[in-house]
Protein backbone atom coordinates (compact mmCIF):
# COMPACT_ATOMS: atom_id res chain seq x y z
CA MET A 1 25.37 15.54 3.45
CA LEU A 2 24.61 15.18 -0.26
CA LEU A 3 27.39 14.28 -2.66
CA SER A 4 26.85 14.26 -6.43
CA ALA A 5 29.36 13.40 -9.13
CA LEU A 6 29.59 12.65 -12.81
CA GLY A 7 32.14 10.15 -14.10
CA THR A 8 35.55 10.42 -12.50
CA GLY A 9 34.20 13.22 -10.30
CA LEU A 10 33.42 10.37 -7.92
CA ALA A 11 37.06 10.10 -6.81
CA PRO A 12 37.25 13.22 -4.60
CA LEU A 13 33.75 12.65 -3.24
CA TYR A 14 34.63 9.06 -2.39
CA GLY A 15 37.45 10.47 -0.25
CA ILE A 16 35.03 12.85 1.50
CA LEU A 17 32.63 9.96 2.08
CA GLN A 18 35.31 7.71 3.55
CA ASP A 19 36.54 10.49 5.84
CA ALA A 20 33.01 11.27 7.09
CA LEU A 21 32.29 7.61 7.81
CA ALA A 22 35.67 7.06 9.49
CA LYS A 23 35.02 10.05 11.77
CA GLY A 24 31.62 8.71 12.76
CA HIS A 25 29.37 11.15 10.90
CA ARG A 26 25.86 10.28 12.09
CA GLY A 27 23.68 12.39 9.82
CA PRO A 28 22.34 11.11 6.52
CA ILE A 29 24.87 10.82 3.69
CA THR A 30 23.64 10.40 0.14
CA LEU A 31 25.91 9.87 -2.87
CA VAL A 32 24.69 10.18 -6.46
CA HIS A 33 27.09 8.95 -9.14
CA GLY A 34 26.03 9.59 -12.72
CA SER A 35 27.42 8.36 -16.00
CA GLY A 36 26.40 8.05 -19.61
CA LYS A 37 26.93 4.29 -19.62
CA PRO A 38 26.81 1.65 -16.86
CA GLU A 39 30.30 0.36 -17.59
CA LEU A 40 31.71 3.78 -16.69
CA LEU A 41 30.42 3.57 -13.12
CA TYR A 42 33.13 2.39 -10.76
CA TYR A 43 33.50 1.50 -7.07
CA GLN A 44 29.95 0.12 -7.14
CA ASP A 45 30.85 -2.94 -5.06
CA ASN A 46 32.72 -0.79 -2.51
CA LEU A 47 29.82 1.65 -2.27
CA GLN A 48 27.26 -1.13 -1.88
CA THR A 49 29.38 -2.59 0.93
CA LEU A 50 29.63 0.80 2.65
CA MET A 51 25.87 1.16 2.38
CA GLN A 52 25.40 -2.20 4.14
CA GLN A 53 27.87 -1.24 6.88
CA HIS A 54 26.51 2.27 7.51
CA PRO A 55 22.73 2.65 7.80
CA ASN A 56 23.00 6.43 7.36
CA PHE A 57 24.60 6.09 3.90
CA ARG A 58 22.68 5.75 0.62
CA TYR A 59 24.22 5.28 -2.84
CA HIS A 60 22.44 6.02 -6.13
CA ALA A 61 24.04 4.97 -9.42
CA ILE A 62 22.38 6.78 -12.34
CA VAL A 63 22.99 6.24 -16.04
CA LEU A 64 21.55 7.82 -19.15
CA ASP A 65 21.54 4.44 -20.96
CA ASN A 66 20.68 1.48 -18.74
CA SER A 67 20.40 -1.09 -21.51
CA ALA A 68 23.33 -2.98 -20.01
CA CYS A 69 22.93 -1.91 -16.41
CA VAL A 70 24.58 -4.25 -13.91
CA GLY A 71 23.82 -4.13 -10.22
CA SER A 72 21.70 -1.41 -8.74
CA CYS A 73 22.01 1.38 -11.28
CA LYS A 74 18.94 2.95 -12.78
CA GLN A 75 18.23 5.06 -15.81
CA GLY A 76 17.82 8.76 -15.26
CA ASP A 77 19.48 12.12 -15.00
CA ALA A 78 22.01 12.64 -12.19
CA GLU A 79 21.06 16.30 -11.77
CA GLN A 80 17.37 15.54 -11.33
CA GLU A 81 18.13 12.60 -9.04
CA THR A 82 20.31 14.85 -6.87
CA LEU A 83 17.62 17.51 -6.60
CA SER A 84 14.96 14.93 -5.78
CA LEU A 85 17.05 13.68 -2.85
CA LEU A 86 17.30 17.04 -1.09
CA ASP A 87 15.47 16.84 2.23
CA ALA A 88 13.32 19.99 2.48
CA ALA A 89 13.29 19.75 6.28
CA ARG A 90 17.11 19.78 6.47
CA LEU A 91 18.10 22.32 3.78
CA ALA A 92 19.56 24.84 6.22
CA GLU A 93 22.09 22.32 7.55
CA THR A 94 22.68 20.23 4.42
CA LYS A 95 26.17 20.30 2.97
CA VAL A 96 26.29 19.65 -0.78
CA TYR A 97 29.44 18.48 -2.57
CA LEU A 98 29.47 18.58 -6.38
CA CYS A 99 32.14 17.25 -8.70
CA GLY A 100 32.18 16.78 -12.46
CA ASN A 101 32.14 18.77 -15.65
CA PRO A 102 31.63 22.54 -15.32
CA GLY A 103 28.08 22.58 -16.73
CA PHE A 104 26.88 19.91 -14.31
CA VAL A 105 28.51 21.60 -11.32
CA GLN A 106 27.30 25.10 -12.20
CA ARG A 107 23.71 23.98 -12.82
CA LEU A 108 23.49 21.97 -9.62
CA ARG A 109 25.15 24.70 -7.58
CA LYS A 110 22.50 27.16 -8.71
CA GLN A 111 19.61 24.71 -8.39
CA THR A 112 20.54 23.52 -4.89
CA PHE A 113 20.91 27.14 -3.78
CA MET A 114 17.52 28.02 -5.30
CA LYS A 115 16.00 25.07 -3.41
CA GLY A 116 17.25 26.52 -0.12
CA VAL A 117 20.75 25.18 0.56
CA ARG A 118 22.96 27.92 1.99
CA SER A 119 25.66 29.08 -0.43
CA ALA A 120 28.32 28.55 2.25
CA ASN A 121 27.28 24.86 2.39
CA ILE A 122 27.77 24.15 -1.33
CA PHE A 123 31.24 22.91 -2.25
CA CYS A 124 32.20 22.48 -5.91
CA ASP A 125 35.02 21.02 -7.94
CA SER A 126 34.57 21.19 -11.69
CA PHE A 127 37.02 19.88 -14.22
CA VAL A 128 37.47 19.47 -17.93
CA GLU A 129 39.00 16.39 -19.51
CA ARG A 130 42.17 17.14 -21.38
CA SER A 131 43.86 14.91 -23.88
CA VAL A 132 47.45 14.10 -23.14
CA THR A 133 49.98 13.58 -25.89
CA ALA A 134 53.26 11.81 -25.49
CA SER A 135 56.31 13.95 -26.20
């Protein structure tokens, strides 16, 4: 299972992660959470704790600007990090969950499919931020 999110796209994937762990999922679970700035990463402590409690879970915090990186985040591109974490030996059974802005989701959907993940095993949720005005 490979989960990849940008920004607040982490929220639905965090729910999927918690459900999989609660139900005893034994296969490898990898979560990539990307952001432009380290301070926009959230749940890092929770995810680090889950990683310590579940040996099959790995968390990767990726930021474009790591000048103020706290904890275990590293500088890079979330899309490239996600693609680098695909296990070539397990592509046929890997389930990929993508959540974030439409460009990120569309690019990764295509790239993971082109790498060999079955289309039926790629689940996507893209969203666009909207400004809200008080009435």
